[in-house]
Amino acid sequence: MTGYRVGWLMSKNKALVSACVRLQGQVLTCATMIAQKAAEAALTGDQTCVEEMRAVFNSRRQLICSLAAEIPGLKFHEPEGAFYLFPDVSRWGTGDEVAERLLERAHVAVVSGSAFGCPSCIRLSYAISEEQIRQAMARIKEELQNL
C-alpha cells in the first residue's frame, strides 16, 4: 500500500501514544475513503501476494546490500523493514552534496539523508527491478570511486 499512507501505532507507552495523537491531529488529515477501503481489502483479502512480494523485496535487499558492500568506504546497516538502504556517505561529503553529484554525474536519483535528520547519509530505494538496482549501484560505485 505504498503511497496510501495508511497505518497505525501500537504501544504500551501511553505517553508516546498521547504525543503521537497530538502530533497526528495537527499535522495530518484522515485517510481518504478509497485508501481506507484499500487497506481493508489488503488486510482481509488473500495474503498469497504478500509472501510473494516479501520474497521479491528480500532478494532485492540482499542484492543492493551485496553491491553496496563492494564500494570501499560505504558504511551501512542492512535494512530490516523498509525498502531503503541508508548508507553513510560522509567520506565523500554531505548527503546533500553526494545526492547532487550522483544525480548530475551518475544520473542516479537518491534522497539526501538530511530530509530524515541524518545529513551524512543518502537513501537508496530498492523498490525497483534487480536490473535497475545493478545499473544504479554500478554508476554509484564508479562515481564514488572517482571522488
C-alpha atoms as a PDB file:
ATOM      1  CA  MET A   1       0.000   0.000   0.000  1.00  0.00           C
ATOM      2  CA  THR A   2       2.929   2.261  -0.722  1.00  0.00           C
ATOM      3  CA  GLY A   3       1.764   5.831  -1.134  1.00  0.00           C
ATOM      4  CA  TYR A   4      -1.584   5.437   0.621  1.00  0.00           C
ATOM      5  CA  ARG A   5      -0.040   6.396   3.976  1.00  0.00           C
ATOM      6  CA  VAL A   6      -2.415   4.210   5.953  1.00  0.00           C
ATOM      7  CA  GLY A   7      -1.039   2.858   9.176  1.00  0.00           C
ATOM      8  CA  TRP A   8      -1.382   2.551  12.898  1.00  0.00           C
ATOM      9  CA  LEU A   9       0.625   2.632  16.088  1.00  0.00           C
ATOM     10  CA  MET A  10       0.559   0.051  18.830  1.00  0.00           C
ATOM     11  CA  SER A  11       2.464   0.739  22.019  1.00  0.00           C
ATOM     12  CA  LYS A  12       2.219   0.129  25.740  1.00  0.00           C
ATOM     13  CA  ASN A  13       3.885   3.514  26.256  1.00  0.00           C
ATOM     14  CA  LYS A  14       0.882   5.775  26.932  1.00  0.00           C
ATOM     15  CA  ALA A  15       2.972   8.949  26.834  1.00  0.00           C
ATOM     16  CA  LEU A  16       4.261   8.052  23.375  1.00  0.00           C
ATOM     17  CA  VAL A  17       0.771   7.280  22.091  1.00  0.00           C
ATOM     18  CA  SER A  18      -0.570  10.535  23.526  1.00  0.00           C
ATOM     19  CA  ALA A  19       2.248  12.545  21.912  1.00  0.00           C
ATOM     20  CA  CYS A  20       1.689  10.831  18.566  1.00  0.00           C
ATOM     21  CA  VAL A  21      -2.053  11.509  18.699  1.00  0.00           C
ATOM     22  CA  ARG A  22      -1.390  15.218  19.374  1.00  0.00           C
ATOM     23  CA  LEU A  23       1.125  15.393  16.525  1.00  0.00           C
ATOM     24  CA  GLN A  24      -1.091  13.491  14.091  1.00  0.00           C
ATOM     25  CA  GLY A  25      -4.045  15.731  14.871  1.00  0.00           C
ATOM     26  CA  GLN A  26      -2.068  18.847  13.984  1.00  0.00           C
ATOM     27  CA  VAL A  27      -0.061  17.589  11.018  1.00  0.00           C
ATOM     28  CA  LEU A  28      -2.171  15.065   9.135  1.00  0.00           C
ATOM     29  CA  THR A  29      -5.671  14.717   7.831  1.00  0.00           C
ATOM     30  CA  CYS A  30      -7.609  11.498   7.767  1.00  0.00           C
ATOM     31  CA  ALA A  31      -7.012   8.853   5.132  1.00  0.00           C
ATOM     32  CA  THR A  32      -9.278   9.058   2.096  1.00  0.00           C
ATOM     33  CA  MET A  33     -12.176   6.640   1.802  1.00  0.00           C
ATOM     34  CA  ILE A  34     -10.505   4.814  -1.088  1.00  0.00           C
ATOM     35  CA  ALA A  35      -7.328   4.387   0.966  1.00  0.00           C
ATOM     36  CA  GLN A  36      -9.372   3.037   3.871  1.00  0.00           C
ATOM     37  CA  LYS A  37     -11.185   0.565   1.597  1.00  0.00           C
ATOM     38  CA  ALA A  38      -7.878  -0.482   0.012  1.00  0.00           C
ATOM     39  CA  ALA A  39      -6.410  -1.042   3.488  1.00  0.00           C
ATOM     40  CA  GLU A  40      -9.409  -3.135   4.484  1.00  0.00           C
ATOM     41  CA  ALA A  41      -9.069  -5.265   1.350  1.00  0.00           C
ATOM     42  CA  ALA A  42      -5.324  -5.636   1.887  1.00  0.00           C
ATOM     43  CA  LEU A  43      -5.796  -6.782   5.472  1.00  0.00           C
ATOM     44  CA  THR A  44      -8.746  -9.117   4.927  1.00  0.00           C
ATOM     45  CA  GLY A  45      -8.060 -10.477   1.437  1.00  0.00           C
ATOM     46  CA  ASP A  46      -5.903 -13.300   0.135  1.00  0.00           C
ATOM     47  CA  GLN A  47      -2.387 -12.920   1.538  1.00  0.00           C
ATOM     48  CA  THR A  48      -0.592 -15.044  -1.093  1.00  0.00           C
ATOM     49  CA  CYS A  49       0.711 -11.984  -2.909  1.00  0.00           C
ATOM     50  CA  VAL A  50       2.157 -10.617   0.347  1.00  0.00           C
ATOM     51  CA  GLU A  51       4.545 -13.549   0.701  1.00  0.00           C
ATOM     52  CA  GLU A  52       5.451 -13.297  -2.979  1.00  0.00           C
ATOM     53  CA  MET A  53       6.255  -9.580  -2.610  1.00  0.00           C
ATOM     54  CA  ARG A  54       8.174 -10.223   0.611  1.00  0.00           C
ATOM     55  CA  ALA A  55      10.359 -12.747  -1.208  1.00  0.00           C
ATOM     56  CA  VAL A  56      10.996 -10.344  -4.106  1.00  0.00           C
ATOM     57  CA  PHE A  57      11.920  -7.491  -1.777  1.00  0.00           C
ATOM     58  CA  ASN A  58      14.150  -9.786   0.271  1.00  0.00           C
ATOM     59  CA  SER A  59      16.015 -10.700  -2.908  1.00  0.00           C
ATOM     60  CA  ARG A  60      16.354  -7.021  -3.844  1.00  0.00           C
ATOM     61  CA  ARG A  61      17.562  -6.187  -0.329  1.00  0.00           C
ATOM     62  CA  GLN A  62      20.228  -8.878  -0.490  1.00  0.00           C
ATOM     63  CA  LEU A  63      21.298  -7.660  -3.931  1.00  0.00           C
ATOM     64  CA  ILE A  64      21.617  -3.983  -3.031  1.00  0.00           C
ATOM     65  CA  CYS A  65      23.461  -4.811   0.188  1.00  0.00           C
ATOM     66  CA  SER A  66      25.930  -7.075  -1.599  1.00  0.00           C
ATOM     67  CA  LEU A  67      26.583  -4.417  -4.245  1.00  0.00           C
ATOM     68  CA  ALA A  68      26.906  -1.653  -1.632  1.00  0.00           C
ATOM     69  CA  ALA A  69      29.396  -3.798   0.301  1.00  0.00           C
ATOM     70  CA  GLU A  70      31.623  -3.756  -2.805  1.00  0.00           C
ATOM     71  CA  ILE A  71      32.019   0.036  -2.571  1.00  0.00           C
ATOM     72  CA  PRO A  72      35.085   0.818  -0.434  1.00  0.00           C
ATOM     73  CA  GLY A  73      34.244   3.187   2.412  1.00  0.00           C
ATOM     74  CA  LEU A  74      30.463   2.913   2.108  1.00  0.00           C
ATOM     75  CA  LYS A  75      29.055   2.166   5.564  1.00  0.00           C
ATOM     76  CA  PHE A  76      25.517   0.904   6.120  1.00  0.00           C
ATOM     77  CA  HIS A  77      23.323  -1.367   8.203  1.00  0.00           C
ATOM     78  CA  GLU A  78      21.264  -3.992   6.420  1.00  0.00           C
ATOM     79  CA  PRO A  79      17.628  -2.864   6.350  1.00  0.00           C
ATOM     80  CA  GLU A  80      15.166  -4.945   8.347  1.00  0.00           C
ATOM     81  CA  GLY A  81      11.843  -3.377   7.434  1.00  0.00           C
ATOM     82  CA  ALA A  82      11.607  -0.704   4.769  1.00  0.00           C
ATOM     83  CA  PHE A  83      12.799  -0.983   1.184  1.00  0.00           C
ATOM     84  CA  TYR A  84      15.572   1.568   1.515  1.00  0.00           C
ATOM     85  CA  LEU A  85      19.298   1.349   2.105  1.00  0.00           C
ATOM     86  CA  PHE A  86      20.564   4.297   4.147  1.00  0.00           C
ATOM     87  CA  PRO A  87      24.374   4.406   3.769  1.00  0.00           C
ATOM     88  CA  ASP A  88      26.707   6.911   5.392  1.00  0.00           C
ATOM     89  CA  VAL A  89      28.460   8.865   2.629  1.00  0.00           C
ATOM     90  CA  SER A  90      30.325  11.352   4.836  1.00  0.00           C
ATOM     91  CA  ARG A  91      33.621  10.134   3.380  1.00  0.00           C
ATOM     92  CA  TRP A  92      32.645  11.911   0.143  1.00  0.00           C
ATOM     93  CA  GLY A  93      30.721  14.919   1.532  1.00  0.00           C
ATOM     94  CA  THR A  94      27.302  15.620   2.966  1.00  0.00           C
ATOM     95  CA  GLY A  95      24.270  13.670   1.888  1.00  0.00           C
ATOM     96  CA  ASP A  96      23.074  16.755   0.002  1.00  0.00           C
ATOM     97  CA  GLU A  97      26.376  17.063  -1.879  1.00  0.00           C
ATOM     98  CA  VAL A  98      26.606  13.374  -2.712  1.00  0.00           C
ATOM     99  CA  ALA A  99      22.962  13.207  -3.819  1.00  0.00           C
ATOM    100  CA  GLU A 100      23.513  16.154  -6.147  1.00  0.00           C
ATOM    101  CA  ARG A 101      26.729  14.669  -7.573  1.00  0.00           C
ATOM    102  CA  LEU A 102      25.107  11.289  -8.158  1.00  0.00           C
ATOM    103  CA  LEU A 103      22.207  12.903  -9.974  1.00  0.00           C
ATOM    104  CA  GLU A 104      24.361  15.196 -12.120  1.00  0.00           C
ATOM    105  CA  ARG A 105      27.275  12.862 -12.856  1.00  0.00           C
ATOM    106  CA  ALA A 106      25.990   9.298 -12.472  1.00  0.00           C
ATOM    107  CA  HIS A 107      22.369  10.022 -13.441  1.00  0.00           C
ATOM    108  CA  VAL A 108      21.088   8.205 -10.342  1.00  0.00           C
ATOM    109  CA  ALA A 109      18.433   9.868  -8.197  1.00  0.00           C
ATOM    110  CA  VAL A 110      18.804   9.355  -4.447  1.00  0.00           C
ATOM    111  CA  VAL A 111      17.440  11.302  -1.497  1.00  0.00           C
ATOM    112  CA  SER A 112      19.711  13.089   0.929  1.00  0.00           C
ATOM    113  CA  GLY A 113      19.561  11.874   4.496  1.00  0.00           C
ATOM    114  CA  SER A 114      19.153  15.487   5.623  1.00  0.00           C
ATOM    115  CA  ALA A 115      15.458  15.073   4.795  1.00  0.00           C
ATOM    116  CA  PHE A 116      15.382  12.446   7.576  1.00  0.00           C
ATOM    117  CA  GLY A 117      17.609  14.181  10.122  1.00  0.00           C
ATOM    118  CA  CYS A 118      20.769  12.357   9.048  1.00  0.00           C
ATOM    119  CA  PRO A 119      22.775  14.696   6.768  1.00  0.00           C
ATOM    120  CA  SER A 120      25.702  12.279   6.457  1.00  0.00           C
ATOM    121  CA  CYS A 121      23.578   9.678   4.638  1.00  0.00           C
ATOM    122  CA  ILE A 122      21.661   9.109   1.437  1.00  0.00           C
ATOM    123  CA  ARG A 123      18.565   6.980   0.915  1.00  0.00           C
ATOM    124  CA  LEU A 124      18.605   4.369  -1.827  1.00  0.00           C
ATOM    125  CA  SER A 125      15.304   2.726  -2.723  1.00  0.00           C
ATOM    126  CA  TYR A 126      15.271  -0.889  -3.824  1.00  0.00           C
ATOM    127  CA  ALA A 127      11.627  -0.770  -4.898  1.00  0.00           C
ATOM    128  CA  ILE A 128      12.852  -1.147  -8.483  1.00  0.00           C
ATOM    129  CA  SER A 129      13.854  -4.088 -10.641  1.00  0.00           C
ATOM    130  CA  GLU A 130      17.019  -6.061  -9.920  1.00  0.00           C
ATOM    131  CA  GLU A 131      18.445  -4.886 -13.247  1.00  0.00           C
ATOM    132  CA  GLN A 132      17.843  -1.252 -12.283  1.00  0.00           C
ATOM    133  CA  ILE A 133      19.490  -1.892  -8.910  1.00  0.00           C
ATOM    134  CA  ARG A 134      22.550  -3.356 -10.649  1.00  0.00           C
ATOM    135  CA  GLN A 135      22.802  -0.421 -13.063  1.00  0.00           C
ATOM    136  CA  ALA A 136      22.333   2.221 -10.371  1.00  0.00           C
ATOM    137  CA  MET A 137      24.801   0.639  -7.973  1.00  0.00           C
ATOM    138  CA  ALA A 138      27.412   0.294 -10.737  1.00  0.00           C
ATOM    139  CA  ARG A 139      27.030   4.005 -11.525  1.00  0.00           C
ATOM    140  CA  ILE A 140      27.171   4.945  -7.825  1.00  0.00           C
ATOM    141  CA  LYS A 141      30.273   2.811  -7.306  1.00  0.00           C
ATOM    142  CA  GLU A 142      32.040   4.357 -10.285  1.00  0.00           C
ATOM    143  CA  GLU A 143      31.180   7.911  -9.235  1.00  0.00           C
ATOM    144  CA  LEU A 144      32.199   7.441  -5.592  1.00  0.00           C
ATOM    145  CA  GLN A 145      35.485   5.849  -6.636  1.00  0.00           C
ATOM    146  CA  ASN A 146      36.167   8.907  -8.818  1.00  0.00           C
ATOM    147  CA  LEU A 147      35.672  11.362  -5.947  1.00  0.00           C
END
